[in-house]
Protein backbone atom coordinates (compact mmCIF):
# COMPACT_ATOMS: atom_id res chain seq x y z
CA UNK A 1 -88.96 54.94 -11.52
CA UNK A 2 -86.31 53.74 -9.22
CA UNK A 3 -86.20 50.05 -8.42
CA UNK A 4 -88.81 47.63 -9.37
CA UNK A 5 -92.16 47.66 -7.78
CA UNK A 6 -93.64 44.81 -8.11
CA UNK A 7 -97.63 44.34 -8.79
CA UNK A 8 -100.01 43.63 -5.97
CA UNK A 9 -101.35 40.00 -6.43
CA UNK A 10 -104.15 41.29 -4.86
CA UNK A 11 -105.30 43.98 -7.35
CA UNK A 12 -104.67 41.12 -9.69
CA UNK A 13 -107.64 39.23 -8.63
CA UNK A 14 -109.51 42.29 -8.66
CA UNK A 15 -108.63 43.53 -12.19
CA UNK A 16 -109.57 39.88 -14.03
CA UNK A 17 -112.70 38.35 -12.31
CA UNK A 18 -111.85 35.28 -14.59
CA UNK A 19 -108.42 34.70 -12.38
CA UNK A 20 -109.05 32.39 -9.76
CA UNK A 21 -107.06 31.33 -6.70
CA UNK A 22 -107.62 27.92 -6.75
CA UNK A 23 -105.99 27.88 -10.62
CA UNK A 24 -102.78 29.52 -9.22
CA UNK A 25 -102.87 26.81 -6.48
CA UNK A 26 -103.21 24.16 -9.12
CA UNK A 27 -100.44 25.30 -10.91
CA UNK A 28 -98.43 25.86 -7.97
CA UNK A 29 -99.06 22.13 -7.02
CA UNK A 30 -98.25 21.04 -10.51
CA UNK A 31 -94.95 22.63 -10.53
CA UNK A 32 -94.14 21.46 -7.22
CA UNK A 33 -94.09 17.79 -8.81
CA UNK A 34 -91.43 19.04 -11.53
CA UNK A 35 -88.42 18.96 -10.15
CA UNK A 36 -86.48 20.67 -13.13
CA UNK A 37 -88.51 24.05 -12.51
CA UNK A 38 -87.58 26.92 -10.89
CA UNK A 39 -89.58 27.99 -7.91
CA UNK A 40 -91.66 31.29 -8.92
CA UNK A 41 -94.02 33.61 -7.11
CA UNK A 42 -97.69 33.84 -7.59
CA UNK A 43 -97.31 37.19 -9.71
CA UNK A 44 -95.42 34.91 -12.25
CA UNK A 45 -98.22 32.08 -12.15
CA UNK A 46 -100.94 34.97 -12.45
CA UNK A 47 -98.85 36.51 -15.58
CA UNK A 48 -98.50 32.44 -17.35
CA UNK A 49 -102.34 31.89 -16.50
CA UNK A 50 -103.63 35.10 -17.94
CA UNK A 51 -101.56 34.75 -21.07
CA UNK A 52 -103.36 31.50 -21.58
CA UNK A 53 -107.12 32.71 -20.76
CA UNK A 54 -106.80 30.89 -17.68
CA UNK A 55 -106.45 27.52 -19.13
CA UNK A 56 -104.91 24.90 -16.99
CA UNK A 57 -103.21 22.54 -19.79
CA UNK A 58 -101.60 25.28 -21.83
CA UNK A 59 -100.25 27.35 -18.77
CA UNK A 60 -98.66 24.26 -17.66
CA UNK A 61 -96.87 24.10 -21.20
CA UNK A 62 -96.11 27.65 -21.12
CA UNK A 63 -94.35 27.89 -17.99
CA UNK A 64 -92.11 24.49 -18.75
CA UNK A 65 -91.01 25.97 -22.43
CA UNK A 66 -90.33 29.63 -20.84
CA UNK A 67 -87.98 28.00 -18.00
CA UNK A 68 -86.37 25.14 -20.70
CA UNK A 69 -85.89 28.18 -23.14
CA UNK A 70 -83.97 30.45 -20.74
CA UNK A 71 -81.49 27.42 -19.80
CA UNK A 72 -81.01 26.86 -23.86
CA UNK A 73 -81.09 30.04 -25.11
CA UNK A 74 -78.13 32.06 -23.35
CA UNK A 75 -77.61 34.44 -26.39
CA UNK A 76 -81.15 35.86 -24.60
CA UNK A 77 -81.08 34.91 -20.89
CA UNK A 78 -77.47 35.07 -20.14
CA UNK A 79 -74.61 37.89 -19.41
CA UNK A 80 -77.67 40.32 -19.02
CA UNK A 81 -75.52 42.98 -17.12
CA UNK A 82 -77.35 46.29 -18.52
CA UNK A 83 -74.28 48.32 -17.46
CA UNK A 84 -71.93 45.66 -19.45
CA UNK A 85 -70.51 46.41 -22.79
CA UNK A 86 -73.04 44.26 -24.83
CA UNK A 87 -75.86 46.10 -23.45
CA UNK A 88 -74.39 49.30 -23.15
CA UNK A 89 -73.67 48.85 -27.16
CA UNK A 90 -77.10 47.62 -27.64
CA UNK A 91 -78.69 50.58 -25.75
CA UNK A 92 -76.26 52.89 -28.27
CA UNK A 93 -78.19 51.66 -31.12
CA UNK A 94 -81.64 50.91 -30.33
CA UNK A 95 -84.26 52.32 -28.28
CA UNK A 96 -87.15 50.04 -26.86
CA UNK A 97 -89.53 51.75 -24.53
CA UNK A 98 -93.47 51.30 -23.02
CA UNK A 99 -95.28 54.29 -23.35
CA UNK A 100 -97.47 55.65 -20.86
CA UNK A 101 -100.79 56.25 -22.58
CA UNK A 102 -102.24 52.84 -23.39
CA UNK A 103 -104.43 52.59 -26.51
CA UNK A 104 -108.36 52.30 -26.70
CA UNK A 105 -108.39 48.81 -26.45
CA UNK A 106 -106.14 49.07 -22.94
CA UNK A 107 -103.30 47.81 -24.71
CA UNK A 108 -99.89 48.63 -23.81
CA UNK A 109 -97.66 50.08 -26.40
CA UNK A 110 -93.94 49.08 -26.83
CA UNK A 111 -91.97 51.33 -29.34
CA UNK A 112 -88.64 50.23 -30.90
CA UNK A 113 -86.79 52.38 -33.26
CA UNK A 114 -83.06 52.30 -34.70
CA UNK A 115 -80.83 55.13 -33.25
CA UNK A 116 -78.10 54.63 -35.78
CA UNK A 117 -78.47 53.91 -39.43
CA UNK A 118 -74.79 52.31 -39.42
CA UNK A 119 -75.02 48.81 -39.37
CA UNK A 120 -71.53 48.16 -38.00
CA UNK A 121 -71.88 47.67 -34.37
CA UNK A 122 -75.42 46.25 -34.69
CA UNK A 123 -76.03 43.00 -32.99
CA UNK A 124 -79.99 41.40 -33.93
CA UNK A 125 -79.53 38.83 -30.55
CA UNK A 126 -78.33 41.66 -28.59
CA UNK A 127 -81.69 44.19 -29.19
CA UNK A 128 -83.79 40.94 -28.94
CA UNK A 129 -82.23 40.09 -25.18
CA UNK A 130 -82.62 43.74 -24.31
CA UNK A 131 -86.79 43.30 -25.69
CA UNK A 132 -86.92 40.56 -23.07
CA UNK A 133 -85.30 42.08 -20.32
CA UNK A 134 -87.87 44.79 -20.69
CA UNK A 135 -90.47 42.39 -20.90
CA UNK A 136 -89.19 40.87 -18.02
CA UNK A 137 -89.33 44.20 -15.82
CA UNK A 138 -92.54 45.73 -17.04
CA UNK A 139 -94.54 42.55 -16.69
CA UNK A 140 -93.75 42.32 -12.89
CA UNK A 141 -94.62 46.07 -12.63
CA UNK A 142 -97.63 46.09 -14.75
CA UNK A 143 -99.20 42.59 -13.69
CA UNK A 144 -101.74 40.96 -15.97
CA UNK A 145 -102.79 43.88 -18.92
CA UNK A 146 -105.28 43.39 -21.34
CA UNK A 147 -102.58 42.96 -24.05
CA UNK A 148 -99.68 44.22 -25.51
CA UNK A 149 -98.99 45.86 -29.30
CA UNK A 150 -95.51 46.36 -30.25
CA UNK A 151 -94.64 49.51 -33.01
CA UNK A 152 -91.34 48.93 -34.56
CA UNK A 153 -90.48 52.07 -36.73
CA UNK A 154 -87.95 50.89 -39.37
CA UNK A 155 -86.63 54.35 -40.27
CA UNK A 156 -83.01 54.10 -40.40
CA UNK A 157 -83.00 50.08 -41.22
CA UNK A 158 -81.06 49.04 -44.13
CA UNK A 159 -79.82 45.83 -45.65
CA UNK A 160 -76.78 46.06 -43.79
CA UNK A 161 -79.04 45.34 -40.51
CA UNK A 162 -80.64 42.68 -42.47
CA UNK A 163 -77.52 40.70 -43.65
CA UNK A 164 -76.64 40.42 -39.44
CA UNK A 165 -79.88 38.58 -39.10
CA UNK A 166 -79.35 34.49 -38.89
CA UNK A 167 -82.28 31.77 -39.39
CA UNK A 168 -81.14 30.76 -35.69
CA UNK A 169 -81.47 33.69 -33.91
CA UNK A 170 -84.99 34.25 -35.79
CA UNK A 171 -86.11 30.77 -35.15
CA UNK A 172 -85.60 30.83 -31.47
CA UNK A 173 -87.17 34.34 -30.72
CA UNK A 174 -90.19 33.40 -32.98
CA UNK A 175 -90.42 30.48 -30.81
CA UNK A 176 -90.24 31.77 -27.71
CA UNK A 177 -92.50 34.69 -28.33
CA UNK A 178 -95.22 32.32 -29.69
CA UNK A 179 -94.83 29.19 -26.99
CA UNK A 180 -93.22 30.34 -24.16
CA UNK A 181 -93.79 34.47 -23.34
CA UNK A 182 -96.68 35.07 -20.80
CA UNK A 183 -98.07 37.96 -22.61
CA UNK A 184 -101.36 38.44 -24.72
CA UNK A 185 -99.69 39.96 -27.62
CA UNK A 186 -102.33 41.83 -29.74
CA UNK A 187 -100.62 43.32 -32.84
CA UNK A 188 -96.81 44.00 -34.23
CA UNK A 189 -97.08 46.81 -36.41
CA UNK A 190 -94.09 47.96 -38.66
CA UNK A 191 -94.02 51.32 -39.33
CA UNK A 192 -91.93 53.47 -42.18
CA UNK A 193 -91.26 49.62 -44.23
CA UNK A 194 -88.54 49.77 -46.22
CA UNK A 195 -88.54 48.88 -50.17
CA UNK A 196 -86.93 45.84 -49.12
CA UNK A 197 -89.46 44.77 -46.46
CA UNK A 198 -90.22 41.56 -48.69
CA UNK A 199 -86.93 40.10 -47.87
CA UNK A 200 -87.21 40.58 -44.22
CA UNK A 201 -90.81 39.02 -44.68
CA UNK A 202 -89.10 35.88 -46.44
CA UNK A 203 -86.88 35.56 -43.73
CA UNK A 204 -89.44 35.52 -40.45
CA UNK A 205 -92.92 34.10 -41.83
CA UNK A 206 -91.75 30.62 -42.19
CA UNK A 207 -91.32 30.70 -38.57
CA UNK A 208 -94.58 32.61 -37.85
CA UNK A 209 -97.86 30.81 -37.27
CA UNK A 210 -101.12 31.96 -38.56
CA UNK A 211 -102.10 33.58 -35.27
CA UNK A 212 -99.14 35.91 -35.30
CA UNK A 213 -99.28 36.41 -39.27
CA UNK A 214 -102.67 37.70 -38.75
CA UNK A 215 -101.62 40.54 -36.29
CA UNK A 216 -98.42 41.82 -38.10
CA UNK A 217 -99.50 44.75 -40.23
CA UNK A 218 -97.46 47.16 -42.10
CA UNK A 219 -97.49 50.63 -42.50
CA UNK A 220 -95.51 52.81 -45.32
CA UNK A 221 -97.16 56.26 -43.41
CA UNK A 222 -98.37 56.74 -39.54
CA UNK A 223 -101.93 57.76 -40.56
CA UNK A 224 -102.62 53.72 -41.29
CA UNK A 225 -101.32 53.02 -37.76
CA UNK A 226 -103.70 54.89 -35.76
CA UNK A 227 -107.09 52.70 -36.05
CA UNK A 228 -104.72 50.33 -34.06
CA UNK A 229 -102.71 52.47 -31.91
CA UNK A 230 -104.46 56.05 -31.73
CA UNK A 231 -102.22 59.28 -32.22
CA UNK A 232 -102.22 60.26 -28.73
CA UNK A 233 -100.82 57.29 -27.45
CA UNK A 234 -97.90 57.91 -29.61
CA UNK A 235 -94.54 59.62 -28.70
CA UNK A 236 -94.21 63.74 -29.19
CA UNK A 237 -91.92 62.83 -32.67
CA UNK A 238 -95.01 61.07 -34.02
CA UNK A 239 -97.76 63.94 -33.23
CA UNK A 240 -98.66 62.28 -29.95
CA UNK A 241 -98.98 62.74 -26.08
CA UNK A 242 -96.21 60.32 -24.88
CA UNK A 243 -94.01 62.49 -24.57
CA UNK A 244 -90.54 63.08 -26.46
CA UNK A 245 -88.42 59.81 -27.50
CA UNK A 246 -85.44 60.86 -26.05
CA UNK A 247 -86.75 61.65 -22.69
CA UNK A 248 -88.64 58.56 -22.63
CA UNK A 249 -85.36 56.32 -23.30
CA UNK A 250 -83.27 58.37 -20.80
CA UNK A 251 -85.79 57.88 -17.81
CA UNK A 252 -86.64 54.09 -18.62
CA UNK A 253 -83.04 53.25 -19.57
CA UNK A 254 -81.97 54.24 -16.19
CA UNK A 255 -85.07 52.44 -14.89
CA UNK A 256 -83.20 49.29 -16.36
CA UNK A 257 -79.96 50.10 -14.89
CA UNK A 258 -81.77 50.51 -11.49
CA UNK A 259 -83.03 46.81 -12.02
CA UNK A 260 -79.15 45.57 -12.84
CA UNK A 261 -79.16 43.25 -10.19
CA UNK A 262 -82.76 41.41 -10.66
CA UNK A 263 -82.16 40.83 -13.93
CA UNK A 264 -78.64 39.38 -13.31
CA UNK A 265 -80.20 37.15 -10.89
CA UNK A 266 -82.98 36.47 -13.07
CA UNK A 267 -80.40 34.71 -15.11
CA UNK A 268 -80.49 31.63 -12.47
CA UNK A 269 -84.38 31.17 -12.81
CA UNK A 270 -84.08 28.68 -15.35
CA UNK A 271 -84.82 24.71 -15.50
CA UNK A 272 -82.46 22.20 -14.68
CA UNK A 273 -82.21 19.62 -17.32
CA UNK A 274 -80.37 17.46 -15.25
CA UNK A 275 -83.51 16.97 -12.81
CA UNK A 276 -86.31 16.61 -15.81
CA UNK A 277 -88.17 13.51 -15.54
CA UNK A 278 -87.83 11.60 -18.35
CA UNK A 279 -85.65 12.56 -21.06
CA UNK A 280 -83.59 15.98 -20.89
CA UNK A 281 -84.31 18.24 -23.69
CA UNK A 282 -81.52 19.87 -26.03
CA UNK A 283 -81.91 22.84 -28.16
CA UNK A 284 -82.13 20.37 -31.13
CA UNK A 285 -85.33 18.84 -29.53
CA UNK A 286 -86.89 22.47 -28.85
CA UNK A 287 -86.20 24.30 -31.71
CA UNK A 288 -85.41 21.41 -34.55
CA UNK A 289 -82.05 21.03 -36.34
CA UNK A 290 -79.94 23.74 -35.57
CA UNK A 291 -77.14 23.39 -38.51
CA UNK A 292 -74.54 25.87 -38.39
CA UNK A 293 -76.73 29.33 -39.63
CA UNK A 294 -74.17 32.01 -41.06
CA UNK A 295 -74.86 35.54 -41.54
CA UNK A 296 -77.66 35.53 -44.59
CA UNK A 297 -76.25 36.54 -48.05
CA UNK A 298 -78.97 38.72 -49.53
CA UNK A 299 -78.71 39.89 -53.13
């Protein structure tokens, strides 16, 4: 796969006739009047526009929220060296890969699964960071797509993993996912759900909007997943045609390593609060009262 091959902007206009050059120009002109925002490419503007169904004002809000989060959530957007200790540990613990075969609705499937059931070295923040790094790479390569579906296989998840979740991290991630990420998210599917799934849902549901709750699906067996993500789209281990998980992981993780410099450079692409018109934002303004969230004590 090698180095990042950016999607062709001209092809984006051909793929989606509702995408207008004049709208991209409107967003660019608006961004030039926002001194706190970074300079971004037409492709990146297109991703934001597409995720908001080409509506100008919601696109502006998503752009500002995205680069503001990149400033105020260093646990996701700083120290992104894929070859560093933190990320190497994460890659040994979790596999997250885009699958090669889209669904019948032309949605791109992301598949995630723990590689180790031992929670000793598990870091929820690091795994989410890896997921967001993947999104930064594949979106720039694929350009705008009809939608994304995330399949999380819960095999191997234990209460030890749940105990390592923090309300602060859940809140920040779900805020970014719902308010700042330039994606059309079409489904979140939890497969092989664990008996204590209710405890996990109790933690995340308070931070999920109605629209996100509506696309969250629980599956105790793969067969109930197939109407959403057809069997042939899935990995070989689940009876699909997308290849074996370990082969996909090896190839894709190397692709991420090949793009180490890009991911590190992206750490600098964020809002500069010292230049924001009006009052600078802080974490409290974005996420609400932070408090000192400790690891959760769950019976």
